[in-house]
Amino acid sequence: MDPRTIQLVILAAAFWLPVLALVSLYFFRKLHLQQRLLEIERGANPAIDREAAPARARRAGIVCVAAGIGICVGDVIIVAATRDPQAWALQALGIVPMAVGIGLLVDYRLARREAR
């Protein structure tokens, strides 16, 4: 395969995978909201769990850091396979989710500290 084709495929995957993740997140949240509304209509009291928000931030942070590391490792494999030094530019795509994940993990630590 042509190195340009490989780079194009990776760039397309790096763009479309987050878009698909956001769309699926939207539908999951919409479903969750519909379930809560049904519980309210039936007379149940769906209490908001204050402990769940930091746990979600922690899980999302771990997933983002892992995604960033995966993108960086994938880029290293591409550079090793193609011997194209310009492919190192894809490392920037891995740094973005890692930075978001580290921010979420810091947010988790701060939320846990405030809860004490």
C-alpha atoms as a PDB file:
ATOM      1  CA  MET A   1       0.000   0.000   0.000  1.00  0.00           C
ATOM      2  CA  ASP A   2       1.007   3.540  -0.632  1.00  0.00           C
ATOM      3  CA  PRO A   3       2.099   5.448   2.515  1.00  0.00           C
ATOM      4  CA  ARG A   4      -0.265   8.276   1.573  1.00  0.00           C
ATOM      5  CA  THR A   5      -3.152   5.812   1.531  1.00  0.00           C
ATOM      6  CA  ILE A   6      -2.217   4.521   4.969  1.00  0.00           C
ATOM      7  CA  GLN A   7      -2.028   8.046   6.324  1.00  0.00           C
ATOM      8  CA  LEU A   8      -5.386   8.897   4.771  1.00  0.00           C
ATOM      9  CA  VAL A   9      -7.028   5.821   6.303  1.00  0.00           C
ATOM     10  CA  ILE A  10      -5.624   6.619   9.734  1.00  0.00           C
ATOM     11  CA  LEU A  11      -6.672  10.243   9.481  1.00  0.00           C
ATOM     12  CA  ALA A  12     -10.173   9.182   8.455  1.00  0.00           C
ATOM     13  CA  ALA A  13     -10.342   6.721  11.360  1.00  0.00           C
ATOM     14  CA  ALA A  14      -9.047   9.360  13.759  1.00  0.00           C
ATOM     15  CA  PHE A  15     -11.851  11.656  12.612  1.00  0.00           C
ATOM     16  CA  TRP A  16     -14.753   9.216  12.309  1.00  0.00           C
ATOM     17  CA  LEU A  17     -14.187   7.162  15.457  1.00  0.00           C
ATOM     18  CA  PRO A  18     -14.674  10.137  17.798  1.00  0.00           C
ATOM     19  CA  VAL A  19     -17.690  11.255  15.762  1.00  0.00           C
ATOM     20  CA  LEU A  20     -19.245   7.801  16.105  1.00  0.00           C
ATOM     21  CA  ALA A  21     -18.452   7.800  19.819  1.00  0.00           C
ATOM     22  CA  LEU A  22     -20.177  11.150  20.289  1.00  0.00           C
ATOM     23  CA  VAL A  23     -23.243  10.017  18.345  1.00  0.00           C
ATOM     24  CA  SER A  24     -23.512   6.835  20.405  1.00  0.00           C
ATOM     25  CA  LEU A  25     -23.048   8.860  23.603  1.00  0.00           C
ATOM     26  CA  TYR A  26     -25.915  11.104  22.519  1.00  0.00           C
ATOM     27  CA  PHE A  27     -28.230   8.145  21.979  1.00  0.00           C
ATOM     28  CA  PHE A  28     -27.251   6.503  25.284  1.00  0.00           C
ATOM     29  CA  ARG A  29     -27.926   9.730  27.175  1.00  0.00           C
ATOM     30  CA  LYS A  30     -31.233  10.170  25.359  1.00  0.00           C
ATOM     31  CA  LEU A  31     -32.240   6.629  26.321  1.00  0.00           C
ATOM     32  CA  HIS A  32     -31.189   7.262  29.933  1.00  0.00           C
ATOM     33  CA  LEU A  33     -33.276  10.450  30.029  1.00  0.00           C
ATOM     34  CA  GLN A  34     -36.305   8.607  28.645  1.00  0.00           C
ATOM     35  CA  GLN A  35     -35.927   5.931  31.324  1.00  0.00           C
ATOM     36  CA  ARG A  36     -35.745   8.584  34.049  1.00  0.00           C
ATOM     37  CA  LEU A  37     -38.864  10.289  32.714  1.00  0.00           C
ATOM     38  CA  LEU A  38     -40.718   6.963  32.716  1.00  0.00           C
ATOM     39  CA  GLU A  39     -39.674   6.396  36.339  1.00  0.00           C
ATOM     40  CA  ILE A  40     -40.962   9.837  37.287  1.00  0.00           C
ATOM     41  CA  GLU A  41     -44.266   9.179  35.500  1.00  0.00           C
ATOM     42  CA  ARG A  42     -44.678   5.937  37.454  1.00  0.00           C
ATOM     43  CA  GLY A  43     -44.140   7.774  40.715  1.00  0.00           C
ATOM     44  CA  ALA A  44     -40.635   6.591  41.473  1.00  0.00           C
ATOM     45  CA  ASN A  45     -38.024   8.964  42.847  1.00  0.00           C
ATOM     46  CA  PRO A  46     -34.914   8.659  40.679  1.00  0.00           C
ATOM     47  CA  ALA A  47     -32.347  10.204  43.003  1.00  0.00           C
ATOM     48  CA  ILE A  48     -29.225  11.645  41.449  1.00  0.00           C
ATOM     49  CA  ASP A  49     -26.217   9.709  42.616  1.00  0.00           C
ATOM     50  CA  ARG A  50     -23.522  12.186  43.611  1.00  0.00           C
ATOM     51  CA  GLU A  51     -20.937   9.392  43.791  1.00  0.00           C
ATOM     52  CA  ALA A  52     -21.501   8.309  40.176  1.00  0.00           C
ATOM     53  CA  ALA A  53     -20.286  11.534  38.519  1.00  0.00           C
ATOM     54  CA  PRO A  54     -16.666  11.258  39.730  1.00  0.00           C
ATOM     55  CA  ALA A  55     -16.652   7.564  38.829  1.00  0.00           C
ATOM     56  CA  ARG A  56     -17.796   8.413  35.293  1.00  0.00           C
ATOM     57  CA  ALA A  57     -15.057  11.036  35.029  1.00  0.00           C
ATOM     58  CA  ARG A  58     -12.496   8.473  36.168  1.00  0.00           C
ATOM     59  CA  ARG A  59     -13.667   5.881  33.662  1.00  0.00           C
ATOM     60  CA  ALA A  60     -13.796   8.417  30.834  1.00  0.00           C
ATOM     61  CA  GLY A  61     -10.307   9.633  31.762  1.00  0.00           C
ATOM     62  CA  ILE A  62      -8.910   6.124  31.694  1.00  0.00           C
ATOM     63  CA  VAL A  63     -10.541   5.457  28.323  1.00  0.00           C
ATOM     64  CA  CYS A  64      -9.191   8.704  26.843  1.00  0.00           C
ATOM     65  CA  VAL A  65      -5.669   8.072  28.099  1.00  0.00           C
ATOM     66  CA  ALA A  66      -5.798   4.507  26.747  1.00  0.00           C
ATOM     67  CA  ALA A  67      -7.097   5.777  23.381  1.00  0.00           C
ATOM     68  CA  GLY A  68      -4.296   8.317  23.175  1.00  0.00           C
ATOM     69  CA  ILE A  69      -1.678   5.716  23.998  1.00  0.00           C
ATOM     70  CA  GLY A  70      -3.218   3.378  21.418  1.00  0.00           C
ATOM     71  CA  ILE A  71      -3.078   6.050  18.730  1.00  0.00           C
ATOM     72  CA  CYS A  72       0.558   6.810  19.599  1.00  0.00           C
ATOM     73  CA  VAL A  73       1.522   3.129  19.502  1.00  0.00           C
ATOM     74  CA  GLY A  74      -0.315   2.720  16.199  1.00  0.00           C
ATOM     75  CA  ASP A  75       1.620   5.651  14.799  1.00  0.00           C
ATOM     76  CA  VAL A  76       4.913   4.125  15.926  1.00  0.00           C
ATOM     77  CA  ILE A  77       3.960   0.905  14.121  1.00  0.00           C
ATOM     78  CA  ILE A  78       3.119   2.860  10.953  1.00  0.00           C
ATOM     79  CA  VAL A  79       6.419   4.732  11.085  1.00  0.00           C
ATOM     80  CA  ALA A  80       8.302   1.467  11.589  1.00  0.00           C
ATOM     81  CA  ALA A  81       6.463  -0.201   8.712  1.00  0.00           C
ATOM     82  CA  THR A  82       6.678   2.641   6.207  1.00  0.00           C
ATOM     83  CA  ARG A  83       9.960   4.219   7.316  1.00  0.00           C
ATOM     84  CA  ASP A  84       8.363   7.595   6.620  1.00  0.00           C
ATOM     85  CA  PRO A  85       9.494  10.245   9.129  1.00  0.00           C
ATOM     86  CA  GLN A  86       6.564  12.496   8.169  1.00  0.00           C
ATOM     87  CA  ALA A  87       4.194   9.989   9.726  1.00  0.00           C
ATOM     88  CA  TRP A  88       5.389  11.145  13.152  1.00  0.00           C
ATOM     89  CA  ALA A  89       2.977  14.047  12.708  1.00  0.00           C
ATOM     90  CA  LEU A  90       0.180  11.655  13.670  1.00  0.00           C
ATOM     91  CA  GLN A  91       1.526  11.633  17.242  1.00  0.00           C
ATOM     92  CA  ALA A  92      -0.388  14.884  17.711  1.00  0.00           C
ATOM     93  CA  LEU A  93      -3.626  12.930  17.264  1.00  0.00           C
ATOM     94  CA  GLY A  94      -2.680  10.739  20.207  1.00  0.00           C
ATOM     95  CA  ILE A  95      -1.745  13.633  22.439  1.00  0.00           C
ATOM     96  CA  VAL A  96      -5.229  15.186  22.274  1.00  0.00           C
ATOM     97  CA  PRO A  97      -7.186  12.299  23.893  1.00  0.00           C
ATOM     98  CA  MET A  98      -4.351  11.751  26.375  1.00  0.00           C
ATOM     99  CA  ALA A  99      -4.568  15.400  27.468  1.00  0.00           C
ATOM    100  CA  VAL A 100      -8.357  15.162  27.799  1.00  0.00           C
ATOM    101  CA  GLY A 101      -8.018  11.945  29.787  1.00  0.00           C
ATOM    102  CA  ILE A 102      -5.434  13.433  32.118  1.00  0.00           C
ATOM    103  CA  GLY A 103      -7.741  16.411  32.642  1.00  0.00           C
ATOM    104  CA  LEU A 104     -10.618  14.089  33.529  1.00  0.00           C
ATOM    105  CA  LEU A 105      -8.439  12.154  35.961  1.00  0.00           C
ATOM    106  CA  VAL A 106      -7.384  15.424  37.622  1.00  0.00           C
ATOM    107  CA  ASP A 107     -11.070  16.384  37.814  1.00  0.00           C
ATOM    108  CA  TYR A 108     -11.805  13.037  39.452  1.00  0.00           C
ATOM    109  CA  ARG A 109      -9.088  13.610  42.052  1.00  0.00           C
ATOM    110  CA  LEU A 110     -10.404  17.094  42.820  1.00  0.00           C
ATOM    111  CA  ALA A 111     -14.012  15.883  43.101  1.00  0.00           C
ATOM    112  CA  ARG A 112     -12.940  13.084  45.421  1.00  0.00           C
ATOM    113  CA  ARG A 113     -10.963  15.537  47.552  1.00  0.00           C
ATOM    114  CA  GLU A 114     -13.985  17.901  47.766  1.00  0.00           C
ATOM    115  CA  ALA A 115     -16.236  15.020  48.829  1.00  0.00           C
ATOM    116  CA  ARG A 116     -14.052  14.393  51.880  1.00  0.00           C
END
